[in-house]
Amino acid sequence: MLTSLTRLAELPGETLVYCAHEYTIANLKFAREVEPYNEALAKRLEAAQKARAEGRPTVPSHLAEELETNPFLRCNQSAVIATAEARAGLDLPTAVDVFAVIRGWKDGWQG
């Protein structure tokens, strides 16, 4: 999964990402748990909540926005690594390790 997302991340920032479901707000709330101080994430969550309140979809998004706010595309960022290591209680030497911790967390997350 990380290999596929890494390939996706190499596309131009203006690439539209169609995730085929309207889980954006829940996903962004989880992402805020991973990166509580990410301002781009806070702004995106606010915009998504406004869009849904107005009956508008949040899909598609632009890859550039995903790269700023999606923790699964940010496994090499220090804030994401730190959160994953704190959650795991150990050092995570690779992006795969970070991804695995965050994916496992998300799988059981009830938000």
PDB file of N, CA and C in Angstrom:
ATOM      1  N   MET A   1       0.828  -1.187   0.000  1.00  0.00           N
ATOM      2  CA  MET A   1       0.000   0.000   0.000  1.00  0.00           C
ATOM      3  C   MET A   1       0.878   1.258   0.000  1.00  0.00           C
ATOM      4  N   LEU A   2       1.920   1.274   0.822  1.00  0.00           N
ATOM      5  CA  LEU A   2       2.808   2.431   0.860  1.00  0.00           C
ATOM      6  C   LEU A   2       3.495   2.633  -0.486  1.00  0.00           C
ATOM      7  N   THR A   3       3.877   1.554  -1.137  1.00  0.00           N
ATOM      8  CA  THR A   3       4.505   1.665  -2.460  1.00  0.00           C
ATOM      9  C   THR A   3       3.550   2.331  -3.443  1.00  0.00           C
ATOM     10  N   SER A   4       2.296   1.950  -3.435  1.00  0.00           N
ATOM     11  CA  SER A   4       1.300   2.557  -4.325  1.00  0.00           C
ATOM     12  C   SER A   4       1.108   4.034  -4.010  1.00  0.00           C
ATOM     13  N   LEU A   5       1.025   4.368  -2.730  1.00  0.00           N
ATOM     14  CA  LEU A   5       0.855   5.769  -2.340  1.00  0.00           C
ATOM     15  C   LEU A   5       2.087   6.598  -2.679  1.00  0.00           C
ATOM     16  N   THR A   6       3.258   6.003  -2.575  1.00  0.00           N
ATOM     17  CA  THR A   6       4.485   6.706  -2.936  1.00  0.00           C
ATOM     18  C   THR A   6       4.498   7.018  -4.419  1.00  0.00           C
ATOM     19  N   ARG A   7       4.046   6.091  -5.226  1.00  0.00           N
ATOM     20  CA  ARG A   7       3.946   6.343  -6.681  1.00  0.00           C
ATOM     21  C   ARG A   7       2.941   7.448  -6.959  1.00  0.00           C
ATOM     22  N   LEU A   8       1.812   7.420  -6.276  1.00  0.00           N
ATOM     23  CA  LEU A   8       0.801   8.467  -6.423  1.00  0.00           C
ATOM     24  C   LEU A   8       1.394   9.829  -6.061  1.00  0.00           C
ATOM     25  N   ALA A   9       2.176   9.884  -4.997  1.00  0.00           N
ATOM     26  CA  ALA A   9       2.751  11.141  -4.505  1.00  0.00           C
ATOM     27  C   ALA A   9       3.708  11.777  -5.502  1.00  0.00           C
ATOM     28  N   GLU A  10       4.191  11.016  -6.445  1.00  0.00           N
ATOM     29  CA  GLU A  10       5.121  11.527  -7.455  1.00  0.00           C
ATOM     30  C   GLU A  10       4.419  12.255  -8.595  1.00  0.00           C
ATOM     31  N   LEU A  11       3.110  12.160  -8.665  1.00  0.00           N
ATOM     32  CA  LEU A  11       2.343  12.835  -9.717  1.00  0.00           C
ATOM     33  C   LEU A  11       2.309  14.339  -9.451  1.00  0.00           C
ATOM     34  N   PRO A  12       1.958  15.131 -10.464  1.00  0.00           N
ATOM     35  CA  PRO A  12       1.863  16.589 -10.269  1.00  0.00           C
ATOM     36  C   PRO A  12       0.835  16.947  -9.190  1.00  0.00           C
ATOM     37  N   GLY A  13       1.090  18.026  -8.468  1.00  0.00           N
ATOM     38  CA  GLY A  13       0.219  18.474  -7.388  1.00  0.00           C
ATOM     39  C   GLY A  13      -1.207  18.756  -7.808  1.00  0.00           C
ATOM     40  N   GLU A  14      -1.396  19.131  -9.075  1.00  0.00           N
ATOM     41  CA  GLU A  14      -2.753  19.439  -9.542  1.00  0.00           C
ATOM     42  C   GLU A  14      -3.556  18.188  -9.913  1.00  0.00           C
ATOM     43  N   THR A  15      -2.944  17.007  -9.783  1.00  0.00           N
ATOM     44  CA  THR A  15      -3.644  15.754 -10.054  1.00  0.00           C
ATOM     45  C   THR A  15      -4.847  15.635  -9.127  1.00  0.00           C
ATOM     46  N   LEU A  16      -5.995  15.304  -9.707  1.00  0.00           N
ATOM     47  CA  LEU A  16      -7.197  15.109  -8.902  1.00  0.00           C
ATOM     48  C   LEU A  16      -7.207  13.702  -8.328  1.00  0.00           C
ATOM     49  N   VAL A  17      -7.558  13.617  -7.038  1.00  0.00           N
ATOM     50  CA  VAL A  17      -7.609  12.344  -6.338  1.00  0.00           C
ATOM     51  C   VAL A  17      -9.073  12.048  -6.031  1.00  0.00           C
ATOM     52  N   TYR A  18      -9.569  10.964  -6.622  1.00  0.00           N
ATOM     53  CA  TYR A  18     -10.938  10.517  -6.396  1.00  0.00           C
ATOM     54  C   TYR A  18     -10.895   9.293  -5.495  1.00  0.00           C
ATOM     55  N   CYS A  19     -11.259   9.457  -4.242  1.00  0.00           N
ATOM     56  CA  CYS A  19     -11.178   8.334  -3.308  1.00  0.00           C
ATOM     57  C   CYS A  19     -12.428   7.459  -3.333  1.00  0.00           C
ATOM     58  N   ALA A  20     -13.455   7.871  -4.026  1.00  0.00           N
ATOM     59  CA  ALA A  20     -14.671   7.090  -4.251  1.00  0.00           C
ATOM     60  C   ALA A  20     -15.543   6.915  -3.002  1.00  0.00           C
ATOM     61  N   HIS A  21     -15.354   7.748  -2.003  1.00  0.00           N
ATOM     62  CA  HIS A  21     -16.233   7.720  -0.836  1.00  0.00           C
ATOM     63  C   HIS A  21     -16.189   9.099  -0.182  1.00  0.00           C
ATOM     64  N   GLU A  22     -17.181   9.365   0.640  1.00  0.00           N
ATOM     65  CA  GLU A  22     -17.276  10.663   1.307  1.00  0.00           C
ATOM     66  C   GLU A  22     -16.927  10.501   2.782  1.00  0.00           C
ATOM     67  N   TYR A  23     -15.688  10.109   3.042  1.00  0.00           N
ATOM     68  CA  TYR A  23     -15.194   9.941   4.401  1.00  0.00           C
ATOM     69  C   TYR A  23     -14.203  11.031   4.771  1.00  0.00           C
ATOM     70  N   THR A  24     -14.179  12.101   4.013  1.00  0.00           N
ATOM     71  CA  THR A  24     -13.148  13.119   4.184  1.00  0.00           C
ATOM     72  C   THR A  24     -13.094  13.662   5.605  1.00  0.00           C
ATOM     73  N   ILE A  25     -14.226  14.014   6.168  1.00  0.00           N
ATOM     74  CA  ILE A  25     -14.221  14.615   7.511  1.00  0.00           C
ATOM     75  C   ILE A  25     -13.685  13.622   8.543  1.00  0.00           C
ATOM     76  N   ALA A  26     -14.142  12.391   8.502  1.00  0.00           N
ATOM     77  CA  ALA A  26     -13.633  11.386   9.442  1.00  0.00           C
ATOM     78  C   ALA A  26     -12.131  11.180   9.238  1.00  0.00           C
ATOM     79  N   ASN A  27     -11.700  11.118   8.002  1.00  0.00           N
ATOM     80  CA  ASN A  27     -10.269  10.936   7.732  1.00  0.00           C
ATOM     81  C   ASN A  27      -9.455  12.122   8.233  1.00  0.00           C
ATOM     82  N   LEU A  28      -9.972  13.315   8.051  1.00  0.00           N
ATOM     83  CA  LEU A  28      -9.259  14.503   8.519  1.00  0.00           C
ATOM     84  C   LEU A  28      -9.227  14.583  10.040  1.00  0.00           C
ATOM     85  N   LYS A  29     -10.283  14.146  10.686  1.00  0.00           N
ATOM     86  CA  LYS A  29     -10.283  14.114  12.153  1.00  0.00           C
ATOM     87  C   LYS A  29      -9.225  13.136  12.660  1.00  0.00           C
ATOM     88  N   PHE A  30      -9.099  11.995  11.995  1.00  0.00           N
ATOM     89  CA  PHE A  30      -8.033  11.065  12.370  1.00  0.00           C
ATOM     90  C   PHE A  30      -6.665  11.705  12.106  1.00  0.00           C
ATOM     91  N   ALA A  31      -6.512  12.333  10.972  1.00  0.00           N
ATOM     92  CA  ALA A  31      -5.241  12.972  10.627  1.00  0.00           C
ATOM     93  C   ALA A  31      -4.848  14.016  11.670  1.00  0.00           C
ATOM     94  N   ARG A  32      -5.831  14.712  12.238  1.00  0.00           N
ATOM     95  CA  ARG A  32      -5.550  15.700  13.291  1.00  0.00           C
ATOM     96  C   ARG A  32      -5.015  15.019  14.549  1.00  0.00           C
ATOM     97  N   GLU A  33      -5.408  13.778  14.790  1.00  0.00           N
ATOM     98  CA  GLU A  33      -4.846  13.035  15.921  1.00  0.00           C
ATOM     99  C   GLU A  33      -3.366  12.748  15.663  1.00  0.00           C
ATOM    100  N   VAL A  34      -3.028  12.486  14.412  1.00  0.00           N
ATOM    101  CA  VAL A  34      -1.646  12.199  14.043  1.00  0.00           C
ATOM    102  C   VAL A  34      -0.814  13.475  14.033  1.00  0.00           C
ATOM    103  N   GLU A  35      -1.385  14.549  13.487  1.00  0.00           N
ATOM    104  CA  GLU A  35      -0.675  15.828  13.357  1.00  0.00           C
ATOM    105  C   GLU A  35      -1.523  16.979  13.896  1.00  0.00           C
ATOM    106  N   PRO A  36      -1.648  17.099  15.204  1.00  0.00           N
ATOM    107  CA  PRO A  36      -2.524  18.130  15.773  1.00  0.00           C
ATOM    108  C   PRO A  36      -2.092  19.562  15.492  1.00  0.00           C
ATOM    109  N   TYR A  37      -0.848  19.781  15.119  1.00  0.00           N
ATOM    110  CA  TYR A  37      -0.364  21.148  14.895  1.00  0.00           C
ATOM    111  C   TYR A  37      -0.202  21.485  13.417  1.00  0.00           C
ATOM    112  N   ASN A  38      -0.731  20.660  12.538  1.00  0.00           N
ATOM    113  CA  ASN A  38      -0.644  20.890  11.097  1.00  0.00           C
ATOM    114  C   ASN A  38      -1.733  21.898  10.699  1.00  0.00           C
ATOM    115  N   GLU A  39      -1.314  23.129  10.411  1.00  0.00           N
ATOM    116  CA  GLU A  39      -2.273  24.196  10.077  1.00  0.00           C
ATOM    117  C   GLU A  39      -3.016  23.927   8.777  1.00  0.00           C
ATOM    118  N   ALA A  40      -2.336  23.365   7.784  1.00  0.00           N
ATOM    119  CA  ALA A  40      -3.005  23.038   6.519  1.00  0.00           C
ATOM    120  C   ALA A  40      -4.122  22.036   6.769  1.00  0.00           C
ATOM    121  N   LEU A  41      -3.894  21.124   7.669  1.00  0.00           N
ATOM    122  CA  LEU A  41      -4.895  20.131   8.032  1.00  0.00           C
ATOM    123  C   LEU A  41      -6.081  20.771   8.739  1.00  0.00           C
ATOM    124  N   ALA A  42      -5.814  21.684   9.656  1.00  0.00           N
ATOM    125  CA  ALA A  42      -6.900  22.379  10.348  1.00  0.00           C
ATOM    126  C   ALA A  42      -7.771  23.141   9.350  1.00  0.00           C
ATOM    127  N   LYS A  43      -7.149  23.813   8.410  1.00  0.00           N
ATOM    128  CA  LYS A  43      -7.892  24.574   7.403  1.00  0.00           C
ATOM    129  C   LYS A  43      -8.695  23.651   6.491  1.00  0.00           C
ATOM    130  N   ARG A  44      -8.094  22.527   6.121  1.00  0.00           N
ATOM    131  CA  ARG A  44      -8.809  21.593   5.250  1.00  0.00           C
ATOM    132  C   ARG A  44     -10.012  21.003   5.960  1.00  0.00           C
ATOM    133  N   LEU A  45      -9.869  20.663   7.230  1.00  0.00           N
ATOM    134  CA  LEU A  45     -10.999  20.118   7.990  1.00  0.00           C
ATOM    135  C   LEU A  45     -12.120  21.144   8.071  1.00  0.00           C
ATOM    136  N   GLU A  46     -11.776  22.367   8.361  1.00  0.00           N
ATOM    137  CA  GLU A  46     -12.789  23.425   8.433  1.00  0.00           C
ATOM    138  C   GLU A  46     -13.506  23.586   7.091  1.00  0.00           C
ATOM    139  N   ALA A  47     -12.761  23.594   6.001  1.00  0.00           N
ATOM    140  CA  ALA A  47     -13.357  23.738   4.661  1.00  0.00           C
ATOM    141  C   ALA A  47     -14.241  22.542   4.324  1.00  0.00           C
ATOM    142  N   ALA A  48     -13.816  21.346   4.711  1.00  0.00           N
ATOM    143  CA  ALA A  48     -14.610  20.145   4.439  1.00  0.00           C
ATOM    144  C   ALA A  48     -15.916  20.164   5.233  1.00  0.00           C
ATOM    145  N   GLN A  49     -15.840  20.571   6.483  1.00  0.00           N
ATOM    146  CA  GLN A  49     -17.057  20.655   7.297  1.00  0.00           C
ATOM    147  C   GLN A  49     -18.036  21.671   6.721  1.00  0.00           C
ATOM    148  N   LYS A  50     -17.521  22.784   6.250  1.00  0.00           N
ATOM    149  CA  LYS A  50     -18.373  23.800   5.633  1.00  0.00           C
ATOM    150  C   LYS A  50     -19.010  23.263   4.353  1.00  0.00           C
ATOM    151  N   ALA A  51     -18.208  22.600   3.536  1.00  0.00           N
ATOM    152  CA  ALA A  51     -18.732  22.045   2.281  1.00  0.00           C
ATOM    153  C   ALA A  51     -19.850  21.049   2.554  1.00  0.00           C
ATOM    154  N   ARG A  52     -19.640  20.147   3.486  1.00  0.00           N
ATOM    155  CA  ARG A  52     -20.663  19.150   3.784  1.00  0.00           C
ATOM    156  C   ARG A  52     -21.913  19.793   4.376  1.00  0.00           C
ATOM    157  N   ALA A  53     -21.739  20.818   5.214  1.00  0.00           N
ATOM    158  CA  ALA A  53     -22.902  21.521   5.789  1.00  0.00           C
ATOM    159  C   ALA A  53     -23.736  22.186   4.699  1.00  0.00           C
ATOM    160  N   GLU A  54     -23.071  22.554   3.617  1.00  0.00           N
ATOM    161  CA  GLU A  54     -23.756  23.171   2.474  1.00  0.00           C
ATOM    162  C   GLU A  54     -24.197  22.144   1.435  1.00  0.00           C
ATOM    163  N   GLY A  55     -24.012  20.861   1.739  1.00  0.00           N
ATOM    164  CA  GLY A  55     -24.435  19.799   0.835  1.00  0.00           C
ATOM    165  C   GLY A  55     -23.500  19.565  -0.341  1.00  0.00           C
ATOM    166  N   ARG A  56     -22.277  20.093  -0.252  1.00  0.00           N
ATOM    167  CA  ARG A  56     -21.311  19.920  -1.336  1.00  0.00           C
ATOM    168  C   ARG A  56     -20.361  18.764  -1.010  1.00  0.00           C
ATOM    169  N   PRO A  57     -19.878  18.086  -2.034  1.00  0.00           N
ATOM    170  CA  PRO A  57     -18.924  16.998  -1.799  1.00  0.00           C
ATOM    171  C   PRO A  57     -17.531  17.536  -1.486  1.00  0.00           C
ATOM    172  N   THR A  58     -16.729  16.697  -0.866  1.00  0.00           N
ATOM    173  CA  THR A  58     -15.333  17.044  -0.604  1.00  0.00           C
ATOM    174  C   THR A  58     -14.397  16.308  -1.557  1.00  0.00           C
ATOM    175  N   VAL A  59     -14.960  15.500  -2.407  1.00  0.00           N
ATOM    176  CA  VAL A  59     -14.218  14.694  -3.362  1.00  0.00           C
ATOM    177  C   VAL A  59     -14.497  15.235  -4.758  1.00  0.00           C
ATOM    178  N   PRO A  60     -13.515  15.378  -5.616  1.00  0.00           N
ATOM    179  CA  PRO A  60     -12.121  14.983  -5.457  1.00  0.00           C
ATOM    180  C   PRO A  60     -11.317  16.058  -4.730  1.00  0.00           C
ATOM    181  N   SER A  61     -10.092  15.682  -4.404  1.00  0.00           N
ATOM    182  CA  SER A  61      -9.138  16.639  -3.851  1.00  0.00           C
ATOM    183  C   SER A  61      -7.956  16.720  -4.807  1.00  0.00           C
ATOM    184  N   HIS A  62      -7.076  17.663  -4.557  1.00  0.00           N
ATOM    185  CA  HIS A  62      -5.848  17.759  -5.339  1.00  0.00           C
ATOM    186  C   HIS A  62      -4.724  17.042  -4.587  1.00  0.00           C
ATOM    187  N   LEU A  63      -3.845  16.420  -5.329  1.00  0.00           N
ATOM    188  CA  LEU A  63      -2.738  15.702  -4.717  1.00  0.00           C
ATOM    189  C   LEU A  63      -1.909  16.612  -3.816  1.00  0.00           C
ATOM    190  N   ALA A  64      -1.709  17.853  -4.217  1.00  0.00           N
ATOM    191  CA  ALA A  64      -0.936  18.782  -3.389  1.00  0.00           C
ATOM    192  C   ALA A  64      -1.560  18.921  -1.998  1.00  0.00           C
ATOM    193  N   GLU A  65      -2.872  18.974  -1.946  1.00  0.00           N
ATOM    194  CA  GLU A  65      -3.591  19.073  -0.670  1.00  0.00           C
ATOM    195  C   GLU A  65      -3.412  17.787   0.147  1.00  0.00           C
ATOM    196  N   GLU A  66      -3.475  16.658  -0.525  1.00  0.00           N
ATOM    197  CA  GLU A  66      -3.272  15.378   0.157  1.00  0.00           C
ATOM    198  C   GLU A  66      -1.864  15.288   0.734  1.00  0.00           C
ATOM    199  N   LEU A  67      -0.886  15.776  -0.015  1.00  0.00           N
ATOM    200  CA  LEU A  67       0.506  15.729   0.449  1.00  0.00           C
ATOM    201  C   LEU A  67       0.732  16.593   1.687  1.00  0.00           C
ATOM    202  N   GLU A  68      -0.104  17.600   1.870  1.00  0.00           N
ATOM    203  CA  GLU A  68      -0.002  18.471   3.047  1.00  0.00           C
ATOM    204  C   GLU A  68      -0.784  17.946   4.246  1.00  0.00           C
ATOM    205  N   THR A  69      -1.756  17.066   4.008  1.00  0.00           N
ATOM    206  CA  THR A  69      -2.710  16.740   5.072  1.00  0.00           C
ATOM    207  C   THR A  69      -2.962  15.253   5.319  1.00  0.00           C
ATOM    208  N   ASN A  70      -2.548  14.396   4.447  1.00  0.00           N
ATOM    209  CA  ASN A  70      -2.847  12.970   4.580  1.00  0.00           C
ATOM    210  C   ASN A  70      -1.663  12.259   5.239  1.00  0.00           C
ATOM    211  N   PRO A  71      -1.828  11.766   6.460  1.00  0.00           N
ATOM    212  CA  PRO A  71      -0.689  11.167   7.162  1.00  0.00           C
ATOM    213  C   PRO A  71      -0.102   9.952   6.448  1.00  0.00           C
ATOM    214  N   PHE A  72      -0.893   9.278   5.656  1.00  0.00           N
ATOM    215  CA  PHE A  72      -0.397   8.106   4.928  1.00  0.00           C
ATOM    216  C   PHE A  72       0.525   8.500   3.776  1.00  0.00           C
ATOM    217  N   LEU A  73       0.476   9.762   3.386  1.00  0.00           N
ATOM    218  CA  LEU A  73       1.401  10.292   2.387  1.00  0.00           C
ATOM    219  C   LEU A  73       2.523  11.089   3.049  1.00  0.00           C
ATOM    220  N   ARG A  74       2.547  11.105   4.373  1.00  0.00           N
ATOM    221  CA  ARG A  74       3.499  11.933   5.126  1.00  0.00           C
ATOM    222  C   ARG A  74       4.334  11.108   6.114  1.00  0.00           C
ATOM    223  N   CYS A  75       4.534   9.843   5.829  1.00  0.00           N
ATOM    224  CA  CYS A  75       5.248   8.952   6.742  1.00  0.00           C
ATOM    225  C   CYS A  75       6.726   9.284   6.882  1.00  0.00           C
ATOM    226  N   ASN A  76       7.212  10.214   6.094  1.00  0.00           N
ATOM    227  CA  ASN A  76       8.606  10.654   6.206  1.00  0.00           C
ATOM    228  C   ASN A  76       8.715  12.019   6.886  1.00  0.00           C
ATOM    229  N   GLN A  77       7.607  12.562   7.364  1.00  0.00           N
ATOM    230  CA  GLN A  77       7.590  13.862   8.037  1.00  0.00           C
ATOM    231  C   GLN A  77       7.821  13.681   9.536  1.00  0.00           C
ATOM    232  N   SER A  78       8.622  14.561  10.100  1.00  0.00           N
ATOM    233  CA  SER A  78       9.022  14.397  11.502  1.00  0.00           C
ATOM    234  C   SER A  78       7.835  14.344  12.469  1.00  0.00           C
ATOM    235  N   ALA A  79       6.819  15.149  12.244  1.00  0.00           N
ATOM    236  CA  ALA A  79       5.669  15.144  13.154  1.00  0.00           C
ATOM    237  C   ALA A  79       4.922  13.812  13.102  1.00  0.00           C
ATOM    238  N   VAL A  80       4.792  13.259  11.926  1.00  0.00           N
ATOM    239  CA  VAL A  80       4.101  11.968  11.771  1.00  0.00           C
ATOM    240  C   VAL A  80       4.943  10.858  12.387  1.00  0.00           C
ATOM    241  N   ILE A  81       6.232  10.895  12.130  1.00  0.00           N
ATOM    242  CA  ILE A  81       7.139   9.896  12.702  1.00  0.00           C
ATOM    243  C   ILE A  81       7.077   9.947  14.234  1.00  0.00           C
ATOM    244  N   ALA A  82       7.145  11.142  14.796  1.00  0.00           N
ATOM    245  CA  ALA A  82       7.127  11.295  16.255  1.00  0.00           C
ATOM    246  C   ALA A  82       5.842  10.742  16.860  1.00  0.00           C
ATOM    247  N   THR A  83       4.723  11.032  16.237  1.00  0.00           N
ATOM    248  CA  THR A  83       3.442  10.527  16.746  1.00  0.00           C
ATOM    249  C   THR A  83       3.384   9.015  16.657  1.00  0.00           C
ATOM    250  N   ALA A  84       3.819   8.472  15.536  1.00  0.00           N
ATOM    251  CA  ALA A  84       3.802   7.016  15.360  1.00  0.00           C
ATOM    252  C   ALA A  84       4.729   6.345  16.369  1.00  0.00           C
ATOM    253  N   GLU A  85       5.907   6.918  16.584  1.00  0.00           N
ATOM    254  CA  GLU A  85       6.839   6.341  17.554  1.00  0.00           C
ATOM    255  C   GLU A  85       6.268   6.408  18.966  1.00  0.00           C
ATOM    256  N   ALA A  86       5.629   7.503  19.302  1.00  0.00           N
ATOM    257  CA  ALA A  86       5.012   7.624  20.626  1.00  0.00           C
ATOM    258  C   ALA A  86       3.904   6.585  20.780  1.00  0.00           C
ATOM    259  N   ARG A  87       3.144   6.411  19.749  1.00  0.00           N
ATOM    260  CA  ARG A  87       2.046   5.434  19.797  1.00  0.00           C
ATOM    261  C   ARG A  87       2.587   4.015  19.935  1.00  0.00           C
ATOM    262  N   ALA A  88       3.658   3.715  19.195  1.00  0.00           N
ATOM    263  CA  ALA A  88       4.231   2.371  19.211  1.00  0.00           C
ATOM    264  C   ALA A  88       5.106   2.133  20.432  1.00  0.00           C
ATOM    265  N   GLY A  89       5.612   3.221  21.017  1.00  0.00           N
ATOM    266  CA  GLY A  89       6.504   3.091  22.149  1.00  0.00           C
ATOM    267  C   GLY A  89       7.901   2.612  21.782  1.00  0.00           C
ATOM    268  N   LEU A  90       8.282   2.848  20.529  1.00  0.00           N
ATOM    269  CA  LEU A  90       9.616   2.455  20.079  1.00  0.00           C
ATOM    270  C   LEU A  90      10.008   3.255  18.841  1.00  0.00           C
ATOM    271  N   ASP A  91      11.303   3.223  18.533  1.00  0.00           N
ATOM    272  CA  ASP A  91      11.789   3.896  17.332  1.00  0.00           C
ATOM    273  C   ASP A  91      11.293   3.158  16.097  1.00  0.00           C
ATOM    274  N   LEU A  92      10.914   3.930  15.099  1.00  0.00           N
ATOM    275  CA  LEU A  92      10.448   3.363  13.832  1.00  0.00           C
ATOM    276  C   LEU A  92      11.424   3.816  12.740  1.00  0.00           C
ATOM    277  N   PRO A  93      12.321   2.935  12.328  1.00  0.00           N
ATOM    278  CA  PRO A  93      13.405   3.355  11.443  1.00  0.00           C
ATOM    279  C   PRO A  93      13.034   3.596   9.980  1.00  0.00           C
ATOM    280  N   THR A  94      11.891   3.095   9.534  1.00  0.00           N
ATOM    281  CA  THR A  94      11.542   3.263   8.121  1.00  0.00           C
ATOM    282  C   THR A  94      10.128   3.812   7.957  1.00  0.00           C
ATOM    283  N   ALA A  95       9.875   4.350   6.782  1.00  0.00           N
ATOM    284  CA  ALA A  95       8.529   4.839   6.461  1.00  0.00           C
ATOM    285  C   ALA A  95       7.514   3.704   6.500  1.00  0.00           C
ATOM    286  N   VAL A  96       7.933   2.512   6.145  1.00  0.00           N
ATOM    287  CA  VAL A  96       7.030   1.355   6.202  1.00  0.00           C
ATOM    288  C   VAL A  96       6.599   1.105   7.644  1.00  0.00           C
ATOM    289  N   ASP A  97       7.550   1.213   8.573  1.00  0.00           N
ATOM    290  CA  ASP A  97       7.220   1.029   9.989  1.00  0.00           C
ATOM    291  C   ASP A  97       6.228   2.088  10.467  1.00  0.00           C
ATOM    292  N   VAL A  98       6.477   3.332  10.085  1.00  0.00           N
ATOM    293  CA  VAL A  98       5.581   4.438  10.453  1.00  0.00           C
ATOM    294  C   VAL A  98       4.204   4.197   9.859  1.00  0.00           C
ATOM    295  N   PHE A  99       4.158   3.860   8.580  1.00  0.00           N
ATOM    296  CA  PHE A  99       2.897   3.594   7.897  1.00  0.00           C
ATOM    297  C   PHE A  99       2.122   2.490   8.610  1.00  0.00           C
ATOM    298  N   ALA A 100       2.809   1.407   8.963  1.00  0.00           N
ATOM    299  CA  ALA A 100       2.138   0.274   9.599  1.00  0.00           C
ATOM    300  C   ALA A 100       1.494   0.672  10.927  1.00  0.00           C
ATOM    301  N   VAL A 101       2.189   1.470  11.708  1.00  0.00           N
ATOM    302  CA  VAL A 101       1.633   1.914  12.992  1.00  0.00           C
ATOM    303  C   VAL A 101       0.400   2.791  12.759  1.00  0.00           C
ATOM    304  N   ILE A 102       0.516   3.724  11.834  1.00  0.00           N
ATOM    305  CA  ILE A 102      -0.611   4.638  11.584  1.00  0.00           C
ATOM    306  C   ILE A 102      -1.795   3.887  10.977  1.00  0.00           C
ATOM    307  N   ARG A 103      -1.523   2.943  10.069  1.00  0.00           N
ATOM    308  CA  ARG A 103      -2.606   2.164   9.453  1.00  0.00           C
ATOM    309  C   ARG A 103      -3.310   1.328  10.508  1.00  0.00           C
ATOM    310  N   GLY A 104      -2.550   0.691  11.389  1.00  0.00           N
ATOM    311  CA  GLY A 104      -3.164  -0.105  12.453  1.00  0.00           C
ATOM    312  C   GLY A 104      -4.000   0.741  13.391  1.00  0.00           C
ATOM    313  N   TRP A 105      -3.506   1.937  13.691  1.00  0.00           N
ATOM    314  CA  TRP A 105      -4.237   2.881  14.529  1.00  0.00           C
ATOM    315  C   TRP A 105      -5.545   3.270  13.863  1.00  0.00           C
ATOM    316  N   LYS A 106      -5.480   3.603  12.591  1.00  0.00           N
ATOM    317  CA  LYS A 106      -6.685   4.028  11.857  1.00  0.00           C
ATOM    318  C   LYS A 106      -7.699   2.910  11.773  1.00  0.00           C
ATOM    319  N   ASP A 107      -7.221   1.674  11.586  1.00  0.00           N
ATOM    320  CA  ASP A 107      -8.137   0.528  11.480  1.00  0.00           C
ATOM    321  C   ASP A 107      -9.024   0.381  12.714  1.00  0.00           C
ATOM    322  N   GLY A 108      -8.485   0.714  13.891  1.00  0.00           N
ATOM    323  CA  GLY A 108      -9.273   0.590  15.113  1.00  0.00           C
ATOM    324  C   GLY A 108      -9.833   1.892  15.639  1.00  0.00           C
ATOM    325  N   TRP A 109      -9.581   2.973  14.923  1.00  0.00           N
ATOM    326  CA  TRP A 109      -9.975   4.309  15.389  1.00  0.00           C
ATOM    327  C   TRP A 109     -11.481   4.503  15.275  1.00  0.00           C
ATOM    328  N   GLN A 110     -12.081   5.020  16.319  1.00  0.00           N
ATOM    329  CA  GLN A 110     -13.531   5.227  16.350  1.00  0.00           C
ATOM    330  C   GLN A 110     -13.940   6.681  16.166  1.00  0.00           C
ATOM    331  N   GLY A 111     -13.029   7.615  16.322  1.00  0.00           N
ATOM    332  CA  GLY A 111     -13.242   9.036  16.162  1.00  0.00           C
ATOM    333  C   GLY A 111     -14.580   9.516  16.390  1.00  0.00           C
TER     334      GLY A 111
END
